[in-house]
Amino acid sequence: MADHPMSKSYLRLIGVPRYRNALQELTLPSDIMDALDKSPLAAHINLAAPPRLVKESEGSTVVTAHFDIWDTSTGARARCLHGKRVTVKPVLSFIRGTTPQVGVPICQKCWKWGHSTHVCRENHHCARCRQPHRTDEHRLRASCCQGQPKNDPPVPPTPATMLCPHKHRCLACRKEGHSVSDRKCEFWYARFDRKKIEALYAKVRVIQQCGRTASNIRTF
């Protein structure tokens, strides 16, 4: 009786070149998928999700490609693949086993990447506007949706049947056009790389500090 796929196995390609060519264009998950698809091992590889690339270190020229496959209940496919080589041009990379990749958590209370909700000591903040209310209360409690009756002319509140039409900055990257948990955010793409998340927060702090400094200069 055939051993049908019933579970996932977790693998990685080590020594993958960080850059795909001399122009230093970064290797992409699609490059890994293409390499696996063209490999003689392709018949044993049924990806459960797109590969995830993790840098060895900030200055490293290689990355590790984590990829999950649908496997038999006995892990037969993973055993077959372990130690085999795959060409990720122009380098031969080795397949090794690994543990499930645990992503960097995003808190559902303060909406910061790096810790889980149950350890957060802050009060609830809205993921859209960061005001002190739960995200599902945004339409009822956010100042942007309450209207400005004292303005001339008055600004009416957002109708109860409408979603919030106002623009807000992402609470992580501080850019407009998406929320903190949106796939458009660069933090979301780094959700499996804690060092990258920390580097992105450091970058945001520098930009904010430069903005405050420029504002202070203009006041003199």
C-alpha atoms as a PDB file:
ATOM      1  CA  MET A   1       0.000   0.000   0.000  1.00  0.00           C
ATOM      2  CA  ALA A   2       1.386   3.421  -0.983  1.00  0.00           C
ATOM      3  CA  ASP A   3       2.473   5.831   1.742  1.00  0.00           C
ATOM      4  CA  HIS A   4       0.417   8.918   0.917  1.00  0.00           C
ATOM      5  CA  PRO A   5       1.529  12.482   1.778  1.00  0.00           C
ATOM      6  CA  MET A   6       0.197  13.328   5.217  1.00  0.00           C
ATOM      7  CA  SER A   7       2.629  15.773   6.787  1.00  0.00           C
ATOM      8  CA  LYS A   8       5.248  18.434   6.210  1.00  0.00           C
ATOM      9  CA  SER A   9       9.011  18.097   6.317  1.00  0.00           C
ATOM     10  CA  TYR A  10      11.293  21.066   6.851  1.00  0.00           C
ATOM     11  CA  LEU A  11      14.445  21.429   4.768  1.00  0.00           C
ATOM     12  CA  ARG A  12      17.033  24.047   3.898  1.00  0.00           C
ATOM     13  CA  LEU A  13      19.526  24.734   1.146  1.00  0.00           C
ATOM     14  CA  ILE A  14      22.815  25.948   2.595  1.00  0.00           C
ATOM     15  CA  GLY A  15      25.401  28.049   0.798  1.00  0.00           C
ATOM     16  CA  VAL A  16      22.983  29.693  -1.632  1.00  0.00           C
ATOM     17  CA  PRO A  17      24.574  32.746  -3.314  1.00  0.00           C
ATOM     18  CA  ARG A  18      23.064  35.961  -2.005  1.00  0.00           C
ATOM     19  CA  TYR A  19      23.321  37.615  -5.416  1.00  0.00           C
ATOM     20  CA  ARG A  20      22.056  36.102  -8.640  1.00  0.00           C
ATOM     21  CA  ASN A  21      24.530  37.902 -10.939  1.00  0.00           C
ATOM     22  CA  ALA A  22      27.462  40.320 -11.138  1.00  0.00           C
ATOM     23  CA  LEU A  23      25.035  43.252 -10.973  1.00  0.00           C
ATOM     24  CA  GLN A  24      24.359  42.217  -7.361  1.00  0.00           C
ATOM     25  CA  GLU A  25      20.668  41.589  -7.934  1.00  0.00           C
ATOM     26  CA  LEU A  26      19.441  39.637  -4.918  1.00  0.00           C
ATOM     27  CA  THR A  27      18.552  35.972  -5.210  1.00  0.00           C
ATOM     28  CA  LEU A  28      14.771  35.642  -4.913  1.00  0.00           C
ATOM     29  CA  PRO A  29      12.492  32.872  -3.645  1.00  0.00           C
ATOM     30  CA  SER A  30      11.435  32.366  -7.270  1.00  0.00           C
ATOM     31  CA  ASP A  31      15.069  31.548  -8.140  1.00  0.00           C
ATOM     32  CA  ILE A  32      15.059  28.785  -5.520  1.00  0.00           C
ATOM     33  CA  MET A  33      11.750  27.436  -6.812  1.00  0.00           C
ATOM     34  CA  ASP A  34      13.145  27.421 -10.349  1.00  0.00           C
ATOM     35  CA  ALA A  35      16.321  25.606  -9.223  1.00  0.00           C
ATOM     36  CA  LEU A  36      14.314  22.962  -7.363  1.00  0.00           C
ATOM     37  CA  ASP A  37      11.962  22.519 -10.311  1.00  0.00           C
ATOM     38  CA  LYS A  38      14.863  21.966 -12.747  1.00  0.00           C
ATOM     39  CA  SER A  39      16.711  19.625 -10.398  1.00  0.00           C
ATOM     40  CA  PRO A  40      16.706  15.833 -10.970  1.00  0.00           C
ATOM     41  CA  LEU A  41      15.177  15.725  -7.469  1.00  0.00           C
ATOM     42  CA  ALA A  42      12.044  17.600  -8.562  1.00  0.00           C
ATOM     43  CA  ALA A  43       9.850  14.494  -8.410  1.00  0.00           C
ATOM     44  CA  HIS A  44      10.464  14.315  -4.646  1.00  0.00           C
ATOM     45  CA  ILE A  45       9.759  18.013  -4.010  1.00  0.00           C
ATOM     46  CA  ASN A  46       6.193  19.226  -3.524  1.00  0.00           C
ATOM     47  CA  LEU A  47       6.539  22.650  -1.925  1.00  0.00           C
ATOM     48  CA  ALA A  48       4.115  23.471   0.869  1.00  0.00           C
ATOM     49  CA  ALA A  49       4.984  27.197   0.759  1.00  0.00           C
ATOM     50  CA  PRO A  50       7.368  29.537  -1.078  1.00  0.00           C
ATOM     51  CA  PRO A  51      11.014  29.284   0.080  1.00  0.00           C
ATOM     52  CA  ARG A  52      12.282  31.783   2.656  1.00  0.00           C
ATOM     53  CA  LEU A  53      15.756  33.289   2.363  1.00  0.00           C
ATOM     54  CA  VAL A  54      17.718  34.101   5.523  1.00  0.00           C
ATOM     55  CA  LYS A  55      21.120  35.820   5.526  1.00  0.00           C
ATOM     56  CA  GLU A  56      23.957  34.106   7.382  1.00  0.00           C
ATOM     57  CA  SER A  57      25.195  37.508   8.589  1.00  0.00           C
ATOM     58  CA  GLU A  58      24.980  41.150   7.529  1.00  0.00           C
ATOM     59  CA  GLY A  59      28.102  41.008   5.355  1.00  0.00           C
ATOM     60  CA  SER A  60      27.735  37.431   4.137  1.00  0.00           C
ATOM     61  CA  THR A  61      27.630  36.608   0.430  1.00  0.00           C
ATOM     62  CA  VAL A  62      25.520  33.481   1.010  1.00  0.00           C
ATOM     63  CA  VAL A  63      22.042  32.837   2.375  1.00  0.00           C
ATOM     64  CA  THR A  64      20.128  29.821   3.627  1.00  0.00           C
ATOM     65  CA  ALA A  65      16.950  28.929   1.746  1.00  0.00           C
ATOM     66  CA  HIS A  66      14.356  27.299   4.001  1.00  0.00           C
ATOM     67  CA  PHE A  67      11.664  25.321   2.217  1.00  0.00           C
ATOM     68  CA  ASP A  68       8.841  23.081   3.440  1.00  0.00           C
ATOM     69  CA  ILE A  69       7.625  20.066   1.464  1.00  0.00           C
ATOM     70  CA  TRP A  70       4.608  17.822   1.644  1.00  0.00           C
ATOM     71  CA  ASP A  71       5.953  14.474   2.759  1.00  0.00           C
ATOM     72  CA  THR A  72       4.811  10.969   3.582  1.00  0.00           C
ATOM     73  CA  SER A  73       3.866  10.129   7.138  1.00  0.00           C
ATOM     74  CA  THR A  74       7.253   8.425   7.538  1.00  0.00           C
ATOM     75  CA  GLY A  75       9.281  11.371   6.177  1.00  0.00           C
ATOM     76  CA  ALA A  76      10.537   9.282   3.250  1.00  0.00           C
ATOM     77  CA  ARG A  77      10.917  12.217   0.863  1.00  0.00           C
ATOM     78  CA  ALA A  78      12.965  14.281   3.311  1.00  0.00           C
ATOM     79  CA  ARG A  79      15.298  11.322   3.893  1.00  0.00           C
ATOM     80  CA  CYS A  80      15.707  10.918   0.152  1.00  0.00           C
ATOM     81  CA  LEU A  81      16.589  14.603  -0.278  1.00  0.00           C
ATOM     82  CA  HIS A  82      18.911  14.998   2.718  1.00  0.00           C
ATOM     83  CA  GLY A  83      22.522  15.524   1.630  1.00  0.00           C
ATOM     84  CA  LYS A  84      21.651  15.930  -2.049  1.00  0.00           C
ATOM     85  CA  ARG A  85      22.862  18.879  -4.106  1.00  0.00           C
ATOM     86  CA  VAL A  86      20.896  21.469  -6.053  1.00  0.00           C
ATOM     87  CA  THR A  87      22.421  23.967  -8.469  1.00  0.00           C
ATOM     88  CA  VAL A  88      21.488  27.547  -7.668  1.00  0.00           C
ATOM     89  CA  LYS A  89      23.522  29.148 -10.426  1.00  0.00           C
ATOM     90  CA  PRO A  90      26.425  28.992 -10.385  1.00  0.00           C
ATOM     91  CA  VAL A  91      26.766  27.246  -7.001  1.00  0.00           C
ATOM     92  CA  LEU A  92      26.006  23.715  -5.812  1.00  0.00           C
ATOM     93  CA  SER A  93      24.019  23.981  -2.580  1.00  0.00           C
ATOM     94  CA  PHE A  94      23.390  21.110  -0.164  1.00  0.00           C
ATOM     95  CA  ILE A  95      20.015  20.085   1.241  1.00  0.00           C
ATOM     96  CA  ARG A  96      19.870  19.604   4.990  1.00  0.00           C
ATOM     97  CA  GLY A  97      17.062  18.955   7.425  1.00  0.00           C
ATOM     98  CA  THR A  98      15.919  21.655   9.826  1.00  0.00           C
ATOM     99  CA  THR A  99      13.211  22.445  12.355  1.00  0.00           C
ATOM    100  CA  PRO A 100      10.030  24.393  11.536  1.00  0.00           C
ATOM    101  CA  GLN A 101      10.795  28.054  10.905  1.00  0.00           C
ATOM    102  CA  VAL A 102       9.196  30.135  13.629  1.00  0.00           C
ATOM    103  CA  GLY A 103       8.451  33.630  12.432  1.00  0.00           C
ATOM    104  CA  VAL A 104       8.970  36.826  14.404  1.00  0.00           C
ATOM    105  CA  PRO A 105       5.701  37.437  16.300  1.00  0.00           C
ATOM    106  CA  ILE A 106       3.714  40.639  15.963  1.00  0.00           C
ATOM    107  CA  CYS A 107       1.866  41.761  19.083  1.00  0.00           C
ATOM    108  CA  GLN A 108      -1.898  42.163  18.668  1.00  0.00           C
ATOM    109  CA  LYS A 109      -2.023  44.809  21.441  1.00  0.00           C
ATOM    110  CA  CYS A 110       0.745  47.308  20.670  1.00  0.00           C
ATOM    111  CA  TRP A 111       1.353  46.052  17.105  1.00  0.00           C
ATOM    112  CA  LYS A 112       5.122  45.859  17.423  1.00  0.00           C
ATOM    113  CA  TRP A 113       7.128  43.086  15.815  1.00  0.00           C
ATOM    114  CA  GLY A 114       9.293  41.051  18.179  1.00  0.00           C
ATOM    115  CA  HIS A 115       7.077  39.863  21.025  1.00  0.00           C
ATOM    116  CA  SER A 116       3.805  37.996  21.415  1.00  0.00           C
ATOM    117  CA  THR A 117       0.527  39.403  22.702  1.00  0.00           C
ATOM    118  CA  HIS A 118       0.408  37.479  25.975  1.00  0.00           C
ATOM    119  CA  VAL A 119       3.679  39.025  27.258  1.00  0.00           C
ATOM    120  CA  CYS A 120       2.820  42.616  26.269  1.00  0.00           C
ATOM    121  CA  ARG A 121       2.236  45.019  29.161  1.00  0.00           C
ATOM    122  CA  GLU A 122       0.931  47.894  27.067  1.00  0.00           C
ATOM    123  CA  ASN A 123      -2.730  48.742  26.658  1.00  0.00           C
ATOM    124  CA  HIS A 124      -4.519  47.944  23.421  1.00  0.00           C
ATOM    125  CA  HIS A 125      -3.763  50.212  20.482  1.00  0.00           C
ATOM    126  CA  CYS A 126      -5.483  50.372  17.121  1.00  0.00           C
ATOM    127  CA  ALA A 127      -3.542  48.801  14.237  1.00  0.00           C
ATOM    128  CA  ARG A 128      -4.748  51.578  11.913  1.00  0.00           C
ATOM    129  CA  CYS A 129      -4.277  54.784  13.913  1.00  0.00           C
ATOM    130  CA  ARG A 130      -2.461  53.648  17.104  1.00  0.00           C
ATOM    131  CA  GLN A 131      -4.983  55.453  19.295  1.00  0.00           C
ATOM    132  CA  PRO A 132      -5.831  53.722  22.617  1.00  0.00           C
ATOM    133  CA  HIS A 133      -8.610  51.417  21.481  1.00  0.00           C
ATOM    134  CA  ARG A 134      -8.909  47.984  19.918  1.00  0.00           C
ATOM    135  CA  THR A 135      -8.620  47.764  16.143  1.00  0.00           C
ATOM    136  CA  ASP A 136     -12.185  46.480  15.757  1.00  0.00           C
ATOM    137  CA  GLU A 137     -13.384  49.623  17.576  1.00  0.00           C
ATOM    138  CA  HIS A 138     -11.686  51.990  15.126  1.00  0.00           C
ATOM    139  CA  ARG A 139     -14.822  53.156  13.327  1.00  0.00           C
ATOM    140  CA  LEU A 140     -16.553  53.988  16.621  1.00  0.00           C
ATOM    141  CA  ARG A 141     -13.697  55.510  18.601  1.00  0.00           C
ATOM    142  CA  ALA A 142     -11.013  56.854  16.251  1.00  0.00           C
ATOM    143  CA  SER A 143     -10.833  60.646  16.130  1.00  0.00           C
ATOM    144  CA  CYS A 144     -10.522  60.604  12.330  1.00  0.00           C
ATOM    145  CA  CYS A 145     -13.996  59.034  12.021  1.00  0.00           C
ATOM    146  CA  GLN A 146     -15.747  61.164  14.649  1.00  0.00           C
ATOM    147  CA  GLY A 147     -16.040  64.218  12.441  1.00  0.00           C
ATOM    148  CA  GLN A 148     -15.310  67.847  13.307  1.00  0.00           C
ATOM    149  CA  PRO A 149     -18.649  69.584  14.004  1.00  0.00           C
ATOM    150  CA  LYS A 150     -16.924  72.804  15.134  1.00  0.00           C
ATOM    151  CA  ASN A 151     -15.009  73.236  11.880  1.00  0.00           C
ATOM    152  CA  ASP A 152     -16.164  75.752   9.293  1.00  0.00           C
ATOM    153  CA  PRO A 153     -17.633  74.069   7.367  1.00  0.00           C
ATOM    154  CA  PRO A 154     -18.329  71.166   9.767  1.00  0.00           C
ATOM    155  CA  VAL A 155     -16.864  67.766   8.910  1.00  0.00           C
ATOM    156  CA  PRO A 156     -19.465  65.008   9.354  1.00  0.00           C
ATOM    157  CA  PRO A 157     -18.533  61.707  10.994  1.00  0.00           C
ATOM    158  CA  THR A 158     -17.860  58.678   8.836  1.00  0.00           C
ATOM    159  CA  PRO A 159     -21.202  56.913   8.183  1.00  0.00           C
ATOM    160  CA  ALA A 160     -21.662  53.743  10.206  1.00  0.00           C
ATOM    161  CA  THR A 161     -22.013  51.692   7.019  1.00  0.00           C
ATOM    162  CA  MET A 162     -18.629  52.830   5.642  1.00  0.00           C
ATOM    163  CA  LEU A 163     -15.122  51.635   6.356  1.00  0.00           C
ATOM    164  CA  CYS A 164     -12.636  54.258   7.526  1.00  0.00           C
ATOM    165  CA  PRO A 165     -11.661  56.252   4.399  1.00  0.00           C
ATOM    166  CA  HIS A 166      -8.771  58.092   6.025  1.00  0.00           C
ATOM    167  CA  LYS A 167      -5.084  57.542   5.329  1.00  0.00           C
ATOM    168  CA  HIS A 168      -2.845  56.380   8.146  1.00  0.00           C
ATOM    169  CA  ARG A 169       0.832  55.548   8.410  1.00  0.00           C
ATOM    170  CA  CYS A 170       1.957  51.980   9.010  1.00  0.00           C
ATOM    171  CA  LEU A 171       2.892  51.608  12.675  1.00  0.00           C
ATOM    172  CA  ALA A 172       6.074  49.727  11.732  1.00  0.00           C
ATOM    173  CA  CYS A 173       7.659  51.345   8.657  1.00  0.00           C
ATOM    174  CA  ARG A 174       5.737  54.659   9.026  1.00  0.00           C
ATOM    175  CA  LYS A 175       4.785  54.716   5.330  1.00  0.00           C
ATOM    176  CA  GLU A 176       1.295  55.480   4.070  1.00  0.00           C
ATOM    177  CA  GLY A 177      -0.925  53.122   2.127  1.00  0.00           C
ATOM    178  CA  HIS A 178      -0.917  49.954   4.225  1.00  0.00           C
ATOM    179  CA  SER A 179      -1.408  48.704   7.774  1.00  0.00           C
ATOM    180  CA  VAL A 180       1.190  47.193  10.081  1.00  0.00           C
ATOM    181  CA  SER A 181       0.148  43.614   9.275  1.00  0.00           C
ATOM    182  CA  ASP A 182      -0.184  44.131   5.516  1.00  0.00           C
ATOM    183  CA  ARG A 183       1.898  42.084   3.087  1.00  0.00           C
ATOM    184  CA  LYS A 184       2.905  45.336   1.372  1.00  0.00           C
ATOM    185  CA  CYS A 185       5.047  46.248   4.393  1.00  0.00           C
ATOM    186  CA  GLU A 186       8.770  45.480   4.282  1.00  0.00           C
ATOM    187  CA  PHE A 187       8.502  44.268   7.885  1.00  0.00           C
ATOM    188  CA  TRP A 188       6.131  41.529   6.735  1.00  0.00           C
ATOM    189  CA  TYR A 189       8.710  40.271   4.236  1.00  0.00           C
ATOM    190  CA  ALA A 190      11.245  40.041   7.084  1.00  0.00           C
ATOM    191  CA  ARG A 191       8.895  38.121   9.371  1.00  0.00           C
ATOM    192  CA  PHE A 192      11.226  35.093   9.514  1.00  0.00           C
ATOM    193  CA  ASP A 193      14.376  37.162  10.157  1.00  0.00           C
ATOM    194  CA  ARG A 194      14.586  38.785  13.604  1.00  0.00           C
ATOM    195  CA  LYS A 195      17.865  40.569  12.817  1.00  0.00           C
ATOM    196  CA  LYS A 196      16.278  42.122   9.736  1.00  0.00           C
ATOM    197  CA  ILE A 197      13.274  43.271  11.789  1.00  0.00           C
ATOM    198  CA  GLU A 198      15.613  44.911  14.317  1.00  0.00           C
ATOM    199  CA  ALA A 199      17.577  46.584  11.506  1.00  0.00           C
ATOM    200  CA  LEU A 200      14.370  47.953   9.981  1.00  0.00           C
ATOM    201  CA  TYR A 201      13.281  49.424  13.328  1.00  0.00           C
ATOM    202  CA  ALA A 202      16.725  51.035  13.694  1.00  0.00           C
ATOM    203  CA  LYS A 203      16.347  52.534  10.209  1.00  0.00           C
ATOM    204  CA  VAL A 204      12.910  53.943  11.074  1.00  0.00           C
ATOM    205  CA  ARG A 205      14.278  55.492  14.291  1.00  0.00           C
ATOM    206  CA  VAL A 206      17.070  57.225  12.363  1.00  0.00           C
ATOM    207  CA  ILE A 207      14.599  58.642   9.825  1.00  0.00           C
ATOM    208  CA  GLN A 208      12.300  59.886  12.601  1.00  0.00           C
ATOM    209  CA  GLN A 209      15.211  61.461  14.476  1.00  0.00           C
ATOM    210  CA  CYS A 210      16.369  63.240  11.313  1.00  0.00           C
ATOM    211  CA  GLY A 211      12.834  64.542  10.824  1.00  0.00           C
ATOM    212  CA  ARG A 212      12.680  65.885  14.385  1.00  0.00           C
ATOM    213  CA  THR A 213      16.102  67.526  14.004  1.00  0.00           C
ATOM    214  CA  ALA A 214      15.076  69.223  10.757  1.00  0.00           C
ATOM    215  CA  SER A 215      11.859  70.444  12.391  1.00  0.00           C
ATOM    216  CA  ASN A 216      13.780  71.930  15.322  1.00  0.00           C
ATOM    217  CA  ILE A 217      16.156  73.743  12.972  1.00  0.00           C
ATOM    218  CA  ARG A 218      13.238  75.348  11.120  1.00  0.00           C
ATOM    219  CA  THR A 219      11.884  76.789  14.372  1.00  0.00           C
ATOM    220  CA  PHE A 220      14.981  78.970  14.898  1.00  0.00           C
END
